[in-house]
C-alpha atoms as a PDB file:
ATOM      1  CA  MET A   1     -14.913   7.926  23.875  1.00  0.00           C
ATOM      2  CA  ARG A   2     -14.758   4.168  23.511  1.00  0.00           C
ATOM      3  CA  ARG A   3     -15.528   3.077  19.959  1.00  0.00           C
ATOM      4  CA  VAL A   4     -18.373   0.607  19.570  1.00  0.00           C
ATOM      5  CA  LEU A   5     -17.809  -2.420  17.390  1.00  0.00           C
ATOM      6  CA  GLU A   6     -20.436  -4.664  15.922  1.00  0.00           C
ATOM      7  CA  THR A   7     -19.917  -8.174  14.626  1.00  0.00           C
ATOM      8  CA  ALA A   8     -20.096  -8.546  10.864  1.00  0.00           C
ATOM      9  CA  LYS A   9     -20.089 -11.661   8.742  1.00  0.00           C
ATOM     10  CA  ASN A  10     -16.509 -11.115   7.575  1.00  0.00           C
ATOM     11  CA  GLY A  11     -15.063  -9.480  10.684  1.00  0.00           C
ATOM     12  CA  TRP A  12     -15.791  -6.216  12.478  1.00  0.00           C
ATOM     13  CA  ARG A  13     -17.351  -2.955  11.412  1.00  0.00           C
ATOM     14  CA  ARG A  14     -17.195   0.337  13.271  1.00  0.00           C
ATOM     15  CA  LYS A  15     -20.627   1.872  13.611  1.00  0.00           C
ATOM     16  CA  GLY A  16     -20.911   4.929  11.417  1.00  0.00           C
ATOM     17  CA  VAL A  17     -17.589   4.285   9.686  1.00  0.00           C
ATOM     18  CA  GLU A  18     -17.029   2.071   6.669  1.00  0.00           C
ATOM     19  CA  MET A  19     -13.822   0.430   7.854  1.00  0.00           C
ATOM     20  CA  ARG A  20     -14.143  -3.347   7.617  1.00  0.00           C
ATOM     21  CA  ILE A  21     -11.646  -5.679   9.236  1.00  0.00           C
ATOM     22  CA  ILE A  22     -11.674  -9.096   7.609  1.00  0.00           C
ATOM     23  CA  LYS A  23     -10.020 -11.996   9.390  1.00  0.00           C
ATOM     24  CA  ALA A  24      -7.986 -14.394   7.256  1.00  0.00           C
ATOM     25  CA  ARG A  25      -6.712 -17.789   8.396  1.00  0.00           C
ATOM     26  CA  ASP A  26      -3.121 -17.194   7.314  1.00  0.00           C
ATOM     27  CA  TYR A  27      -0.944 -15.322   4.821  1.00  0.00           C
ATOM     28  CA  ASN A  28      -2.184 -17.306   1.811  1.00  0.00           C
ATOM     29  CA  ASP A  29      -5.816 -16.768   2.753  1.00  0.00           C
ATOM     30  CA  MET A  30      -5.129 -13.062   3.269  1.00  0.00           C
ATOM     31  CA  SER A  31      -3.503 -12.876  -0.179  1.00  0.00           C
ATOM     32  CA  ARG A  32      -6.436 -14.600  -1.897  1.00  0.00           C
ATOM     33  CA  LYS A  33      -9.008 -12.395  -0.181  1.00  0.00           C
ATOM     34  CA  ALA A  34      -7.119  -9.258  -1.195  1.00  0.00           C
ATOM     35  CA  ALA A  35      -6.708 -10.511  -4.774  1.00  0.00           C
ATOM     36  CA  ASN A  36     -10.452 -11.149  -4.923  1.00  0.00           C
ATOM     37  CA  ILE A  37     -11.190  -7.506  -4.101  1.00  0.00           C
ATOM     38  CA  ILE A  38      -8.669  -6.200  -6.636  1.00  0.00           C
ATOM     39  CA  SER A  39     -10.013  -8.612  -9.270  1.00  0.00           C
ATOM     40  CA  ALA A  40     -13.548  -7.390  -8.668  1.00  0.00           C
ATOM     41  CA  GLN A  41     -12.364  -3.817  -9.173  1.00  0.00           C
ATOM     42  CA  ILE A  42     -10.748  -4.699 -12.506  1.00  0.00           C
ATOM     43  CA  ILE A  43     -13.751  -6.698 -13.709  1.00  0.00           C
ATOM     44  CA  MET A  44     -16.286  -4.023 -12.726  1.00  0.00           C
ATOM     45  CA  LYS A  45     -14.164  -1.175 -14.148  1.00  0.00           C
ATOM     46  CA  PRO A  46     -11.621  -2.466 -16.696  1.00  0.00           C
ATOM     47  CA  ASP A  47     -10.027   0.996 -17.074  1.00  0.00           C
ATOM     48  CA  CYS A  48      -9.614   1.493 -13.337  1.00  0.00           C
ATOM     49  CA  VAL A  49      -6.667   3.192 -11.637  1.00  0.00           C
ATOM     50  CA  LEU A  50      -4.954   0.939  -9.108  1.00  0.00           C
ATOM     51  CA  GLY A  51      -2.700   2.360  -6.422  1.00  0.00           C
ATOM     52  CA  LEU A  52      -0.113  -0.327  -5.744  1.00  0.00           C
ATOM     53  CA  ALA A  53       2.250  -1.122  -2.885  1.00  0.00           C
ATOM     54  CA  THR A  54       5.570  -2.900  -2.537  1.00  0.00           C
ATOM     55  CA  GLY A  55       7.154  -4.853   0.305  1.00  0.00           C
ATOM     56  CA  SER A  56       6.876  -8.501   1.269  1.00  0.00           C
ATOM     57  CA  THR A  57       3.203  -8.506   2.317  1.00  0.00           C
ATOM     58  CA  PRO A  58       1.548  -7.892  -1.111  1.00  0.00           C
ATOM     59  CA  ILE A  59       3.714 -10.441  -2.960  1.00  0.00           C
ATOM     60  CA  GLY A  60       1.189 -13.230  -2.394  1.00  0.00           C
ATOM     61  CA  THR A  61      -1.625 -11.011  -3.644  1.00  0.00           C
ATOM     62  CA  TYR A  62       0.288 -10.228  -6.845  1.00  0.00           C
ATOM     63  CA  LYS A  63       1.101 -13.913  -7.311  1.00  0.00           C
ATOM     64  CA  GLN A  64      -2.607 -14.751  -7.102  1.00  0.00           C
ATOM     65  CA  LEU A  65      -3.525 -12.020  -9.596  1.00  0.00           C
ATOM     66  CA  VAL A  66      -0.908 -13.340 -12.038  1.00  0.00           C
ATOM     67  CA  GLU A  67      -2.301 -16.863 -11.666  1.00  0.00           C
ATOM     68  CA  TRP A  68      -5.822 -15.704 -12.464  1.00  0.00           C
ATOM     69  CA  TYR A  69      -4.530 -13.694 -15.429  1.00  0.00           C
ATOM     70  CA  GLU A  70      -2.754 -16.779 -16.786  1.00  0.00           C
ATOM     71  CA  LYS A  71      -6.026 -18.714 -16.501  1.00  0.00           C
ATOM     72  CA  GLY A  72      -7.754 -16.050 -18.573  1.00  0.00           C
ATOM     73  CA  ASP A  73      -9.859 -14.720 -15.707  1.00  0.00           C
ATOM     74  CA  LEU A  74      -8.337 -11.219 -15.609  1.00  0.00           C
ATOM     75  CA  ASP A  75      -7.477  -8.616 -18.231  1.00  0.00           C
ATOM     76  CA  PHE A  76      -5.118  -5.776 -17.286  1.00  0.00           C
ATOM     77  CA  SER A  77      -4.986  -4.218 -20.764  1.00  0.00           C
ATOM     78  CA  GLU A  78      -6.932  -1.072 -19.769  1.00  0.00           C
ATOM     79  CA  VAL A  79      -5.655  -0.745 -16.202  1.00  0.00           C
ATOM     80  CA  THR A  80      -3.551   2.215 -15.077  1.00  0.00           C
ATOM     81  CA  SER A  81      -1.364   1.983 -11.983  1.00  0.00           C
ATOM     82  CA  VAL A  82       0.299   4.479  -9.670  1.00  0.00           C
ATOM     83  CA  ASN A  83       2.673   3.212  -7.030  1.00  0.00           C
ATOM     84  CA  LEU A  84       2.968   4.590  -3.530  1.00  0.00           C
ATOM     85  CA  ASP A  85       6.661   5.267  -3.438  1.00  0.00           C
ATOM     86  CA  GLU A  86      10.198   4.842  -4.695  1.00  0.00           C
ATOM     87  CA  TYR A  87      13.624   5.083  -3.086  1.00  0.00           C
ATOM     88  CA  LYS A  88      15.494   8.276  -3.879  1.00  0.00           C
ATOM     89  CA  GLY A  89      18.749   7.532  -5.685  1.00  0.00           C
ATOM     90  CA  LEU A  90      18.020   4.022  -6.976  1.00  0.00           C
ATOM     91  CA  ASN A  91      17.778   3.597 -10.731  1.00  0.00           C
ATOM     92  CA  ARG A  92      15.135   1.377 -12.268  1.00  0.00           C
ATOM     93  CA  ASP A  93      17.615  -1.409 -13.040  1.00  0.00           C
ATOM     94  CA  ASN A  94      18.585  -1.767  -9.384  1.00  0.00           C
ATOM     95  CA  ASP A  95      16.994  -4.966  -8.102  1.00  0.00           C
ATOM     96  CA  GLN A  96      15.956  -3.175  -4.893  1.00  0.00           C
ATOM     97  CA  SER A  97      14.122  -0.359  -6.659  1.00  0.00           C
ATOM     98  CA  TYR A  98      10.363  -0.494  -6.491  1.00  0.00           C
ATOM     99  CA  TYR A  99      10.171  -0.202 -10.276  1.00  0.00           C
ATOM    100  CA  TYR A 100      12.134  -3.460 -10.478  1.00  0.00           C
ATOM    101  CA  PHE A 101       9.955  -5.014  -7.772  1.00  0.00           C
ATOM    102  CA  MET A 102       6.707  -4.228  -9.559  1.00  0.00           C
ATOM    103  CA  ASN A 103       7.983  -5.581 -12.874  1.00  0.00           C
ATOM    104  CA  ASP A 104       9.343  -8.706 -11.219  1.00  0.00           C
ATOM    105  CA  ASN A 105       6.195  -9.456  -9.218  1.00  0.00           C
ATOM    106  CA  LEU A 106       3.373  -8.225 -11.447  1.00  0.00           C
ATOM    107  CA  PHE A 107       3.860  -6.053 -14.520  1.00  0.00           C
ATOM    108  CA  SER A 108       6.044  -8.454 -16.518  1.00  0.00           C
ATOM    109  CA  HIS A 109       3.580 -11.301 -15.955  1.00  0.00           C
ATOM    110  CA  VAL A 110       0.316  -9.663 -17.066  1.00  0.00           C
ATOM    111  CA  ASN A 111      -0.851  -7.655 -20.077  1.00  0.00           C
ATOM    112  CA  ILE A 112      -0.745  -4.238 -18.420  1.00  0.00           C
ATOM    113  CA  CYS A 113       0.518  -1.436 -20.678  1.00  0.00           C
ATOM    114  CA  LYS A 114       3.895  -0.373 -19.274  1.00  0.00           C
ATOM    115  CA  GLU A 115       3.246   3.217 -20.380  1.00  0.00           C
ATOM    116  CA  ARG A 116       0.335   3.298 -17.927  1.00  0.00           C
ATOM    117  CA  THR A 117       2.387   2.121 -14.939  1.00  0.00           C
ATOM    118  CA  HIS A 118       3.698   4.997 -12.844  1.00  0.00           C
ATOM    119  CA  LEU A 119       6.136   5.386  -9.963  1.00  0.00           C
ATOM    120  CA  PRO A 120       7.945   8.425  -8.569  1.00  0.00           C
ATOM    121  CA  ASN A 121      11.213   9.119 -10.367  1.00  0.00           C
ATOM    122  CA  GLY A 122      13.826   8.031  -7.841  1.00  0.00           C
ATOM    123  CA  MET A 123      16.640   9.359 -10.014  1.00  0.00           C
ATOM    124  CA  GLU A 124      15.350  12.941  -9.984  1.00  0.00           C
ATOM    125  CA  PRO A 125      17.718  14.732  -7.551  1.00  0.00           C
ATOM    126  CA  ASP A 126      15.468  17.783  -7.252  1.00  0.00           C
ATOM    127  CA  SER A 127      12.959  16.689  -4.608  1.00  0.00           C
ATOM    128  CA  GLU A 128      10.493  19.501  -5.303  1.00  0.00           C
ATOM    129  CA  LYS A 129      10.430  18.662  -9.006  1.00  0.00           C
ATOM    130  CA  ALA A 130      10.103  14.908  -8.430  1.00  0.00           C
ATOM    131  CA  CYS A 131       7.173  15.425  -6.070  1.00  0.00           C
ATOM    132  CA  ALA A 132       5.408  18.001  -8.259  1.00  0.00           C
ATOM    133  CA  ASP A 133       5.822  15.745 -11.298  1.00  0.00           C
ATOM    134  CA  TYR A 134       4.274  12.779  -9.501  1.00  0.00           C
ATOM    135  CA  ASN A 135       1.390  14.839  -8.148  1.00  0.00           C
ATOM    136  CA  ALA A 136       0.718  15.871 -11.764  1.00  0.00           C
ATOM    137  CA  VAL A 137       0.762  12.210 -12.887  1.00  0.00           C
ATOM    138  CA  ILE A 138      -1.809  11.225 -10.250  1.00  0.00           C
ATOM    139  CA  ALA A 139      -4.017  14.169 -11.211  1.00  0.00           C
ATOM    140  CA  SER A 140      -3.711  13.306 -14.909  1.00  0.00           C
ATOM    141  CA  VAL A 141      -5.070   9.769 -14.423  1.00  0.00           C
ATOM    142  CA  GLY A 142      -8.107  11.065 -12.571  1.00  0.00           C
ATOM    143  CA  GLY A 143      -7.312   9.828  -9.085  1.00  0.00           C
ATOM    144  CA  ILE A 144      -7.182   6.329  -7.622  1.00  0.00           C
ATOM    145  CA  ASP A 145     -10.053   3.842  -7.638  1.00  0.00           C
ATOM    146  CA  LEU A 146      -8.449   1.331  -5.273  1.00  0.00           C
ATOM    147  CA  GLN A 147      -5.321   1.845  -3.202  1.00  0.00           C
ATOM    148  CA  LEU A 148      -3.478  -1.216  -1.886  1.00  0.00           C
ATOM    149  CA  LEU A 149      -1.459  -0.664   1.295  1.00  0.00           C
ATOM    150  CA  GLY A 150       0.799  -2.582   3.623  1.00  0.00           C
ATOM    151  CA  LEU A 151       1.363  -1.578   7.243  1.00  0.00           C
ATOM    152  CA  GLY A 152       4.774  -0.780   8.691  1.00  0.00           C
ATOM    153  CA  HIS A 153       5.794  -1.792  12.211  1.00  0.00           C
ATOM    154  CA  ASN A 154       5.672   1.869  13.239  1.00  0.00           C
ATOM    155  CA  GLY A 155       2.337   2.460  11.512  1.00  0.00           C
ATOM    156  CA  HIS A 156       3.703   3.942   8.300  1.00  0.00           C
ATOM    157  CA  ILE A 157       1.747   3.630   5.064  1.00  0.00           C
ATOM    158  CA  GLY A 158       3.766   4.160   1.935  1.00  0.00           C
ATOM    159  CA  PHE A 159       6.759   5.915   3.434  1.00  0.00           C
ATOM    160  CA  ASN A 160       4.605   8.287   5.477  1.00  0.00           C
ATOM    161  CA  GLU A 161       6.509   7.960   8.741  1.00  0.00           C
ATOM    162  CA  PRO A 162       5.339   8.979  12.248  1.00  0.00           C
ATOM    163  CA  ALA A 163       5.385  12.778  12.459  1.00  0.00           C
ATOM    164  CA  ASP A 164       3.764  15.780  14.104  1.00  0.00           C
ATOM    165  CA  SER A 165       1.344  16.242  11.212  1.00  0.00           C
ATOM    166  CA  PHE A 166      -0.025  14.358   8.226  1.00  0.00           C
ATOM    167  CA  GLU A 167       1.796  15.083   4.970  1.00  0.00           C
ATOM    168  CA  LEU A 168      -0.637  15.925   2.193  1.00  0.00           C
ATOM    169  CA  GLU A 169       0.794  15.082  -1.221  1.00  0.00           C
ATOM    170  CA  THR A 170       3.929  13.499  -2.681  1.00  0.00           C
ATOM    171  CA  HIS A 171       6.970  14.416  -0.623  1.00  0.00           C
ATOM    172  CA  CYS A 172      10.557  13.384   0.064  1.00  0.00           C
ATOM    173  CA  VAL A 173      10.899  11.669   3.417  1.00  0.00           C
ATOM    174  CA  ASP A 174      13.874  10.836   5.603  1.00  0.00           C
ATOM    175  CA  LEU A 175      13.362   7.192   6.520  1.00  0.00           C
ATOM    176  CA  THR A 176      13.311   6.351  10.222  1.00  0.00           C
ATOM    177  CA  GLU A 177      15.856   4.039  11.784  1.00  0.00           C
ATOM    178  CA  SER A 178      13.184   1.353  12.263  1.00  0.00           C
ATOM    179  CA  THR A 179      12.308   1.453   8.563  1.00  0.00           C
ATOM    180  CA  ILE A 180      15.970   1.377   7.519  1.00  0.00           C
ATOM    181  CA  GLU A 181      16.542  -1.575   9.870  1.00  0.00           C
ATOM    182  CA  ALA A 182      13.527  -3.396   8.399  1.00  0.00           C
ATOM    183  CA  ASN A 183      14.833  -2.824   4.866  1.00  0.00           C
ATOM    184  CA  LYS A 184      18.504  -3.640   5.381  1.00  0.00           C
ATOM    185  CA  ARG A 185      17.929  -7.383   4.897  1.00  0.00           C
ATOM    186  CA  PHE A 186      17.411  -6.598   1.210  1.00  0.00           C
ATOM    187  CA  PHE A 187      20.786  -4.849   0.804  1.00  0.00           C
ATOM    188  CA  ALA A 188      24.423  -5.893   1.078  1.00  0.00           C
ATOM    189  CA  SER A 189      24.964  -3.641   4.097  1.00  0.00           C
ATOM    190  CA  TYR A 190      23.323  -0.961   6.209  1.00  0.00           C
ATOM    191  CA  ASP A 191      25.235   1.724   4.294  1.00  0.00           C
ATOM    192  CA  ASP A 192      23.634   0.567   1.028  1.00  0.00           C
ATOM    193  CA  VAL A 193      20.074   1.093   2.289  1.00  0.00           C
ATOM    194  CA  PRO A 194      18.578   4.328   0.866  1.00  0.00           C
ATOM    195  CA  LYS A 195      17.931   6.891   3.587  1.00  0.00           C
ATOM    196  CA  GLN A 196      15.294   8.853   1.658  1.00  0.00           C
ATOM    197  CA  ALA A 197      12.289   8.053  -0.499  1.00  0.00           C
ATOM    198  CA  TYR A 198       9.618   9.818  -2.514  1.00  0.00           C
ATOM    199  CA  THR A 199       6.175   8.837  -1.294  1.00  0.00           C
ATOM    200  CA  MET A 200       2.550   9.561  -2.012  1.00  0.00           C
ATOM    201  CA  GLY A 201       1.028  11.720   0.740  1.00  0.00           C
ATOM    202  CA  ILE A 202      -1.754  10.965   3.190  1.00  0.00           C
ATOM    203  CA  LYS A 203      -4.212  13.303   1.460  1.00  0.00           C
ATOM    204  CA  THR A 204      -3.692  11.486  -1.859  1.00  0.00           C
ATOM    205  CA  ILE A 205      -4.157   8.078  -0.205  1.00  0.00           C
ATOM    206  CA  MET A 206      -7.310   9.260   1.564  1.00  0.00           C
ATOM    207  CA  GLN A 207      -8.731  10.547  -1.733  1.00  0.00           C
ATOM    208  CA  ALA A 208      -8.693   7.013  -3.188  1.00  0.00           C
ATOM    209  CA  LYS A 209     -12.258   5.736  -3.574  1.00  0.00           C
ATOM    210  CA  LYS A 210     -11.395   2.475  -1.816  1.00  0.00           C
ATOM    211  CA  VAL A 211      -8.447   1.546   0.401  1.00  0.00           C
ATOM    212  CA  LEU A 212      -7.324  -2.055   0.932  1.00  0.00           C
ATOM    213  CA  VAL A 213      -4.792  -2.822   3.677  1.00  0.00           C
ATOM    214  CA  VAL A 214      -3.071  -6.222   3.944  1.00  0.00           C
ATOM    215  CA  VAL A 215      -1.372  -7.247   7.192  1.00  0.00           C
ATOM    216  CA  SER A 216       0.225 -10.529   8.227  1.00  0.00           C
ATOM    217  CA  GLY A 217       2.201 -11.859  11.181  1.00  0.00           C
ATOM    218  CA  LYS A 218       2.277 -11.684  14.960  1.00  0.00           C
ATOM    219  CA  ASP A 219       4.969  -8.989  14.763  1.00  0.00           C
ATOM    220  CA  LYS A 220       2.279  -6.653  13.355  1.00  0.00           C
ATOM    221  CA  ALA A 221      -0.328  -7.410  16.045  1.00  0.00           C
ATOM    222  CA  HIS A 222       0.517  -4.451  18.274  1.00  0.00           C
ATOM    223  CA  ILE A 223       0.514  -1.881  15.462  1.00  0.00           C
ATOM    224  CA  VAL A 224      -2.785  -3.270  14.097  1.00  0.00           C
ATOM    225  CA  LYS A 225      -4.330  -2.572  17.491  1.00  0.00           C
ATOM    226  CA  GLU A 226      -2.782   0.904  17.648  1.00  0.00           C
ATOM    227  CA  ALA A 227      -3.606   1.884  14.073  1.00  0.00           C
ATOM    228  CA  PHE A 228      -7.161   0.628  13.786  1.00  0.00           C
ATOM    229  CA  PHE A 229      -8.425   0.602  17.376  1.00  0.00           C
ATOM    230  CA  GLY A 230      -6.475   3.509  18.873  1.00  0.00           C
ATOM    231  CA  PRO A 231      -6.697   7.280  18.464  1.00  0.00           C
ATOM    232  CA  VAL A 232      -6.201   8.936  15.094  1.00  0.00           C
ATOM    233  CA  THR A 233      -2.788  10.572  15.238  1.00  0.00           C
ATOM    234  CA  PRO A 234       0.051  11.404  12.827  1.00  0.00           C
ATOM    235  CA  ARG A 235       2.331   9.533  15.234  1.00  0.00           C
ATOM    236  CA  VAL A 236       0.606   6.417  13.833  1.00  0.00           C
ATOM    237  CA  PRO A 237       0.046   7.423  10.198  1.00  0.00           C
ATOM    238  CA  ALA A 238      -2.202   4.444   9.313  1.00  0.00           C
ATOM    239  CA  SER A 239      -4.676   5.517  12.004  1.00  0.00           C
ATOM    240  CA  ILE A 240      -6.041   8.130   9.570  1.00  0.00           C
ATOM    241  CA  LEU A 241      -7.609   5.253   7.618  1.00  0.00           C
ATOM    242  CA  GLN A 242     -10.202   4.945  10.378  1.00  0.00           C
ATOM    243  CA  LEU A 243     -11.749   8.059   8.829  1.00  0.00           C
ATOM    244  CA  HIS A 244     -11.842   6.763   5.249  1.00  0.00           C
ATOM    245  CA  SER A 245     -15.331   6.175   3.852  1.00  0.00           C
ATOM    246  CA  ASP A 246     -14.465   2.789   2.303  1.00  0.00           C
ATOM    247  CA  ALA A 247     -11.480   1.091   3.933  1.00  0.00           C
ATOM    248  CA  ILE A 248     -10.940  -2.661   4.187  1.00  0.00           C
ATOM    249  CA  VAL A 249      -8.264  -4.287   6.332  1.00  0.00           C
ATOM    250  CA  ILE A 250      -7.487  -7.942   5.637  1.00  0.00           C
ATOM    251  CA  ALA A 251      -5.345  -9.404   8.389  1.00  0.00           C
ATOM    252  CA  ASP A 252      -4.443 -12.957   9.345  1.00  0.00           C
ATOM    253  CA  GLU A 253      -5.070 -14.485  12.769  1.00  0.00           C
ATOM    254  CA  ASP A 254      -1.589 -13.643  14.012  1.00  0.00           C
ATOM    255  CA  ALA A 255      -1.904  -9.983  13.065  1.00  0.00           C
ATOM    256  CA  LEU A 256      -5.267  -9.813  14.854  1.00  0.00           C
ATOM    257  CA  SER A 257      -4.076 -11.681  17.944  1.00  0.00           C
ATOM    258  CA  GLU A 258      -4.176  -8.586  20.190  1.00  0.00           C
ATOM    259  CA  ILE A 259      -7.695  -7.593  19.159  1.00  0.00           C
END
């Protein structure tokens, strides 16, 4: 069945589904719009639980949040965070670990309590233990109020790669060649790129009260169309977000160019 779209002030809304697609002018506009939504969450619920993402796309959003914090407009002192994923085998001091990324781009620049910032333990060699431990952390904080997501070229969210079924909770994933290729620019060589990661599962992401997806660039235009206007399928993991009760996609003009 063809899905019916209706025009909304900020973009498009699917009838009967709370997915909103907000059009931004460019990357900076996308970053500000996303930061506005995260800021509102923190202001309305100072002790909220934020699910956070890494990668190049959210950097502008974090930069904007830091700027507002420095102006005295935001207070992170009661915020708890849980990150989507972490490379298996990278220690926290490695400048390509996601722990390092989050400290470099956000945590070290705001007044968030480091003891309330959580990522999977990439140095735990026992995958079952690492995943069970992180599931317990997420349960202990009471679930996620707002989950920030990027969108991979193959439709992955977190490191939930295309598969025959949706993974439920935290799991160890073998990264696809396309993901390894996309990440190798950050490492000295292909051989240095981690081939596995611990990632939050689709069920956990879908249980977040609100989901916020940021997408930028013409190279993401095709997967935006597939993920948010195509069928729901584990071959395009982000497509499951069409079924979330409160999902917002903020994408720039380039990323929406095939819509």
